[in-house]
Amino acid sequence: MRKDTIFDHNSFILRNPLYAGLIKVAWYPDYIDAIHEPIISKETFFTVQQILKGEKPVTVPHLRNNPDFPLRNFVICSNCDRKLTGAWSTGKKRKKYAYYKCQTNGCSVNIRKQDLEKIFYEYLKEFQAIPEILDLFESIIIDIWGNKQNDKEKDQRSLKNKLKQLEAKKNRLLDLMLDEVINQEIYKEKSERINEEIIVKKLELNEASIDLYDIEAYVKYCKFFVSNICNLWASADLNLKQRLQNLIFPRGFYFDKVNYRTPQLSHIFRFIKNLNRESRLVEAAGLEPAS
């Protein structure tokens, strides 16, 4: 087998979180622990991701990322479309206080840290799944998953057929050599290519097979995540806070002194917000006295 092919196969494993026992959900900010046994360690996986991206594995945080100001460079001033910065200031009595302010000279948008973060926390509640919709949310996840798994099963059948074809091709090649239709050199070259294809198809089949058994992990974490957005954000470290913010509001969060502009939402949280609203409307209608 050629060295470049071996490297390609190893890179496939090192890039794929499934082989580190991790699952990646598109709208969830972190990896989820899978239920299958990992092939490589999590430490190796995350270190390799940085190396493959051309980065050096470092633990020193970026200096601009101050844990005191998770909303800095995320909240946008509604007046001038510039991101707010955050800073500490010393008052007349030498007392320090934290605030967010617009970076535009002369702009009046300036708000205490605790006030803006409270506003943001309260606004997050609109996108946190209420208990009444969790069963429906789970049903939708399982329904989507079922459709996806049907496709996966088709892929599995297709991959198994391709593997059978490759094995048959390999056997025919051996017969040609034994019948002296081709020499050993040609046999070796062609069989190596077939073996490479077989390895790739087996890896693809293994990935498809692993994915079929992780529905319980997906449902459990998805329900926990969407019903605990506020507390997850409040208790998270800076890195996770920022990832959550960008996950929910990919274009940022617009704010002036007293109001906030409806931001662009990721699809899943717009969907949850609508489910919450519909559930509350149904509940309110049920509480109205009969006329």
Protein backbone atom coordinates (compact mmCIF):
# COMPACT_ATOMS: atom_id res chain seq x y z
CA MET A 1 0.00 0.00 0.00
CA ARG A 2 1.37 3.45 -0.87
CA LYS A 3 2.47 5.73 2.00
CA ASP A 4 0.22 8.57 0.86
CA THR A 5 -2.77 6.23 0.97
CA ILE A 6 -1.92 5.12 4.50
CA PHE A 7 -1.68 8.77 5.51
CA ASP A 8 -5.07 9.48 3.92
CA HIS A 9 -6.69 6.64 5.91
CA ASN A 10 -5.08 7.78 9.16
CA SER A 11 -6.12 11.37 8.52
CA PHE A 12 -9.70 10.18 7.96
CA ILE A 13 -9.69 8.55 11.41
CA LEU A 14 -7.92 11.47 13.12
CA ARG A 15 -10.37 14.01 11.67
CA ASN A 16 -13.52 12.04 12.50
CA PRO A 17 -14.83 12.58 16.08
CA LEU A 18 -16.62 9.21 16.00
CA TYR A 19 -13.27 7.45 16.33
CA ALA A 20 -12.59 9.40 19.54
CA GLY A 21 -15.93 8.29 20.99
CA LEU A 22 -17.55 11.66 20.29
CA ILE A 23 -20.67 12.79 18.47
CA LYS A 24 -21.08 16.19 16.83
CA VAL A 25 -24.57 17.69 16.56
CA ALA A 26 -24.72 20.64 14.17
CA TRP A 27 -26.40 23.05 16.56
CA TYR A 28 -24.88 21.81 19.83
CA PRO A 29 -21.76 23.76 20.86
CA ASP A 30 -19.79 20.83 22.24
CA TYR A 31 -19.08 17.23 21.37
CA ILE A 32 -21.23 14.54 23.00
CA ASP A 33 -19.80 11.32 24.44
CA ALA A 34 -20.92 8.40 22.29
CA ILE A 35 -21.73 4.93 23.59
CA HIS A 36 -19.25 3.01 21.43
CA GLU A 37 -15.61 2.35 22.34
CA PRO A 38 -13.19 4.98 20.97
CA ILE A 39 -10.26 4.09 18.73
CA ILE A 40 -8.19 7.17 19.64
CA SER A 41 -8.15 9.31 22.80
CA LYS A 42 -10.02 12.62 23.03
CA GLU A 43 -6.73 14.39 23.81
CA THR A 44 -5.19 13.04 20.61
CA PHE A 45 -8.26 14.00 18.58
CA PHE A 46 -8.37 17.64 19.74
CA THR A 47 -4.60 18.08 19.47
CA VAL A 48 -4.62 16.69 15.94
CA GLN A 49 -7.46 19.03 14.90
CA GLN A 50 -5.30 22.01 15.78
CA ILE A 51 -2.29 20.59 13.97
CA LEU A 52 -4.34 19.75 10.86
CA LYS A 53 -5.62 23.34 10.84
CA GLY A 54 -2.03 24.60 10.94
CA GLU A 55 -2.33 25.73 14.54
CA LYS A 56 0.00 25.01 17.43
CA PRO A 57 -1.73 23.33 20.38
CA VAL A 58 -1.74 25.99 23.07
CA THR A 59 -3.54 26.48 26.36
CA VAL A 60 -3.02 30.24 26.71
CA PRO A 61 -6.33 32.07 26.06
CA HIS A 62 -6.53 34.90 23.58
CA LEU A 63 -5.80 38.16 25.36
CA ARG A 64 -8.89 39.87 23.90
CA ASN A 65 -11.13 37.23 25.45
CA ASN A 66 -11.75 38.55 28.94
CA PRO A 67 -13.94 36.22 31.05
CA ASP A 68 -15.38 39.29 32.79
CA PHE A 69 -17.07 40.35 29.54
CA PRO A 70 -18.60 37.39 27.66
CA LEU A 71 -20.79 39.71 25.55
CA ARG A 72 -17.92 41.89 24.35
CA ASN A 73 -17.59 41.91 20.56
CA PHE A 74 -20.88 40.01 20.35
CA VAL A 75 -23.57 42.55 21.30
CA ILE A 76 -23.96 45.16 18.56
CA CYS A 77 -24.96 48.78 19.03
CA SER A 78 -28.31 49.42 17.33
CA ASN A 79 -27.36 53.04 16.68
CA CYS A 80 -24.15 52.52 14.74
CA ASP A 81 -23.84 48.79 14.06
CA ARG A 82 -20.56 48.47 15.94
CA LYS A 83 -19.81 45.78 18.50
CA LEU A 84 -19.74 46.76 22.14
CA THR A 85 -16.54 46.57 24.11
CA GLY A 86 -16.25 45.89 27.83
CA ALA A 87 -14.05 47.46 30.47
CA TRP A 88 -13.56 48.13 34.14
CA SER A 89 -13.67 51.71 35.39
CA THR A 90 -12.82 53.32 38.72
CA GLY A 91 -15.39 55.69 40.21
CA LYS A 92 -14.93 58.74 42.40
CA LYS A 93 -14.67 56.67 45.57
CA ARG A 94 -12.10 54.36 43.98
CA LYS A 95 -14.78 51.74 43.54
CA LYS A 96 -14.45 49.66 40.39
CA TYR A 97 -17.40 48.85 38.19
CA ALA A 98 -17.76 46.98 34.91
CA TYR A 99 -19.64 48.19 31.88
CA TYR A 100 -20.21 47.61 28.18
CA LYS A 101 -20.04 50.54 25.77
CA CYS A 102 -20.17 51.27 22.08
CA GLN A 103 -16.78 51.74 20.41
CA THR A 104 -17.97 54.70 18.33
CA ASN A 105 -16.80 58.07 19.66
CA GLY A 106 -19.74 60.12 20.86
CA CYS A 107 -22.23 57.22 20.94
CA SER A 108 -24.28 57.23 24.14
CA VAL A 109 -24.76 53.45 24.40
CA ASN A 110 -23.19 52.55 27.72
CA ILE A 111 -24.62 49.98 30.14
CA ARG A 112 -23.52 48.26 33.32
CA LYS A 113 -22.23 44.73 32.86
CA GLN A 114 -24.78 43.14 35.20
CA ASP A 115 -27.66 44.99 33.52
CA LEU A 116 -26.80 43.92 29.98
CA GLU A 117 -26.07 40.34 30.99
CA LYS A 118 -29.38 40.18 32.88
CA ILE A 119 -31.23 41.44 29.79
CA PHE A 120 -29.46 38.84 27.66
CA TYR A 121 -30.19 36.06 30.17
CA GLU A 122 -33.89 36.97 30.27
CA TYR A 123 -34.04 37.09 26.48
CA LEU A 124 -32.54 33.59 26.27
CA LYS A 125 -35.65 32.26 28.02
CA GLU A 126 -37.60 32.76 24.79
CA PHE A 127 -35.44 30.10 23.13
CA GLN A 128 -35.33 27.63 26.00
CA ALA A 129 -37.69 24.72 25.42
CA ILE A 130 -40.52 24.68 27.96
CA PRO A 131 -41.48 21.28 29.49
CA GLU A 132 -44.74 21.15 27.51
CA ILE A 133 -42.92 20.86 24.16
CA LEU A 134 -40.18 18.38 25.11
CA ASP A 135 -42.19 15.30 24.15
CA LEU A 136 -43.02 16.85 20.79
CA PHE A 137 -39.40 17.93 20.37
CA GLU A 138 -38.26 14.36 21.08
CA SER A 139 -40.75 12.99 18.55
CA ILE A 140 -39.45 15.37 15.92
CA ILE A 141 -35.83 14.41 16.65
CA ILE A 142 -36.68 10.71 16.40
CA ASP A 143 -38.66 11.29 13.19
CA ILE A 144 -35.78 13.18 11.59
CA TRP A 145 -33.40 10.55 12.91
CA GLY A 146 -35.53 7.78 11.43
CA ASN A 147 -35.38 9.38 7.99
CA LYS A 148 -31.66 9.86 8.35
CA GLN A 149 -31.17 6.28 9.47
CA ASN A 150 -33.18 4.98 6.52
CA ASP A 151 -30.68 6.76 4.31
CA LYS A 152 -27.85 5.32 6.42
CA GLU A 153 -29.20 1.80 6.01
CA LYS A 154 -29.37 2.31 2.25
CA ASP A 155 -25.77 3.52 2.37
CA GLN A 156 -24.82 0.44 4.38
CA ARG A 157 -26.41 -1.90 1.84
CA SER A 158 -24.69 -0.04 -0.98
CA LEU A 159 -21.31 -0.20 0.78
CA LYS A 160 -21.71 -3.91 1.52
CA ASN A 161 -22.50 -4.55 -2.15
CA LYS A 162 -19.45 -2.55 -3.20
CA LEU A 163 -17.29 -4.56 -0.78
CA LYS A 164 -18.61 -7.81 -2.27
CA GLN A 165 -17.84 -6.51 -5.75
CA LEU A 166 -14.32 -5.54 -4.72
CA GLU A 167 -13.70 -8.92 -3.11
CA ALA A 168 -14.98 -10.64 -6.26
CA LYS A 169 -12.76 -8.41 -8.38
CA LYS A 170 -9.80 -9.33 -6.18
CA ASN A 171 -10.57 -13.06 -6.60
CA ARG A 172 -10.86 -12.70 -10.38
CA LEU A 173 -7.52 -10.93 -10.42
CA LEU A 174 -5.96 -13.83 -8.52
CA ASP A 175 -7.44 -16.29 -11.00
CA LEU A 176 -5.92 -14.31 -13.87
CA MET A 177 -2.50 -14.53 -12.27
CA LEU A 178 -2.85 -18.25 -11.54
CA ASP A 179 -3.91 -18.82 -15.15
CA GLU A 180 -0.83 -16.78 -16.19
CA VAL A 181 -2.95 -14.22 -18.01
CA ILE A 182 -1.16 -11.51 -16.01
CA ASN A 183 2.20 -11.61 -14.26
CA GLN A 184 2.86 -11.16 -10.52
CA GLU A 185 3.94 -7.53 -10.90
CA ILE A 186 0.66 -6.51 -12.53
CA TYR A 187 -1.26 -8.59 -9.98
CA LYS A 188 0.53 -6.89 -7.08
CA GLU A 189 -0.09 -3.40 -8.44
CA LYS A 190 -3.78 -3.97 -9.17
CA SER A 191 -4.45 -5.90 -5.95
CA GLU A 192 -2.93 -3.07 -3.89
CA ARG A 193 -5.36 -0.62 -5.48
CA ILE A 194 -8.28 -2.94 -4.75
CA ASN A 195 -7.11 -3.37 -1.13
CA GLU A 196 -6.99 0.41 -0.74
CA GLU A 197 -10.57 0.69 -1.99
CA ILE A 198 -11.63 -2.10 0.37
CA ILE A 199 -10.08 -0.30 3.38
CA VAL A 200 -11.86 2.96 2.50
CA LYS A 201 -15.22 1.21 2.06
CA LYS A 202 -14.80 -0.66 5.36
CA LEU A 203 -14.08 2.62 7.16
CA GLU A 204 -17.16 4.20 5.59
CA LEU A 205 -19.24 1.17 6.56
CA ASN A 206 -17.90 1.28 10.11
CA GLU A 207 -18.79 4.96 10.41
CA ALA A 208 -22.32 4.34 9.12
CA SER A 209 -22.76 1.42 11.53
CA ILE A 210 -21.59 3.38 14.57
CA ASP A 211 -23.98 6.22 13.82
CA LEU A 212 -26.99 3.89 13.86
CA TYR A 213 -26.66 3.16 17.59
CA ASP A 214 -26.37 6.69 19.01
CA ILE A 215 -30.00 7.85 19.01
CA GLU A 216 -30.31 7.56 22.80
CA ALA A 217 -27.30 9.81 23.34
CA TYR A 218 -28.60 12.37 20.82
CA VAL A 219 -32.10 12.54 22.32
CA LYS A 220 -30.86 12.72 25.91
CA TYR A 221 -28.41 15.52 25.29
CA CYS A 222 -30.62 17.44 22.88
CA LYS A 223 -33.49 17.56 25.37
CA PHE A 224 -31.20 18.53 28.23
CA PHE A 225 -29.49 21.20 26.17
CA VAL A 226 -32.56 22.94 24.73
CA SER A 227 -34.35 22.98 28.10
CA ASN A 228 -31.39 24.42 30.03
CA ILE A 229 -30.03 27.13 27.75
CA CYS A 230 -30.14 29.89 30.36
CA ASN A 231 -28.39 28.00 33.14
CA LEU A 232 -25.87 26.50 30.73
CA TRP A 233 -24.95 29.96 29.54
CA ALA A 234 -24.83 31.44 33.06
CA SER A 235 -22.61 28.66 34.45
CA ALA A 236 -20.38 28.13 31.41
CA ASP A 237 -16.80 29.30 31.05
CA LEU A 238 -15.99 32.06 28.60
CA ASN A 239 -15.31 29.77 25.66
CA LEU A 240 -18.60 27.89 25.96
CA LYS A 241 -20.56 31.11 26.63
CA GLN A 242 -19.29 32.58 23.38
CA ARG A 243 -19.99 29.41 21.44
CA LEU A 244 -23.54 29.29 22.80
CA GLN A 245 -24.10 32.93 21.93
CA ASN A 246 -22.92 32.48 18.37
CA LEU A 247 -24.85 29.25 18.03
CA ILE A 248 -28.18 30.89 18.91
CA PHE A 249 -27.50 34.32 17.37
CA PRO A 250 -25.08 33.77 14.45
CA ARG A 251 -25.21 37.47 13.47
CA GLY A 252 -24.93 38.88 16.98
CA PHE A 253 -27.38 40.57 19.34
CA TYR A 254 -28.44 44.18 18.64
CA PHE A 255 -28.97 46.52 21.59
CA ASP A 256 -29.38 50.21 22.43
CA LYS A 257 -29.83 51.81 25.85
CA VAL A 258 -33.23 50.36 26.59
CA ASN A 259 -34.20 47.96 23.81
CA TYR A 260 -32.91 45.11 21.70
CA ARG A 261 -33.59 44.43 18.05
CA THR A 262 -34.88 40.99 17.07
CA PRO A 263 -31.69 39.19 15.99
CA GLN A 264 -31.21 36.59 13.30
CA LEU A 265 -31.66 33.16 14.88
CA SER A 266 -30.30 29.76 14.03
CA HIS A 267 -33.01 27.49 12.58
CA ILE A 268 -33.36 25.20 15.58
CA PHE A 269 -33.88 28.02 18.08
CA ARG A 270 -36.35 29.84 15.86
CA PHE A 271 -38.22 26.54 15.70
CA ILE A 272 -38.14 26.14 19.51
CA LYS A 273 -39.32 29.72 20.01
CA ASN A 274 -42.29 29.06 17.71
CA LEU A 275 -43.14 25.79 19.50
CA ASN A 276 -43.03 27.58 22.85
CA ARG A 277 -45.34 30.32 21.58
CA GLU A 278 -47.84 27.87 20.07
CA SER A 279 -47.89 25.78 23.25
CA ARG A 280 -48.59 28.83 25.39
CA LEU A 281 -51.37 29.97 23.03
CA VAL A 282 -53.02 26.55 23.24
CA GLU A 283 -52.73 26.58 27.02
CA ALA A 284 -54.15 30.11 27.23
CA ALA A 285 -57.07 29.16 24.97
CA GLY A 286 -57.82 26.19 27.20
CA LEU A 287 -57.99 28.42 30.25
CA GLU A 288 -60.50 30.85 28.73
CA PRO A 289 -64.01 30.49 30.19
CA ALA A 290 -66.64 29.06 27.86
CA SER A 291 -68.96 31.73 26.46
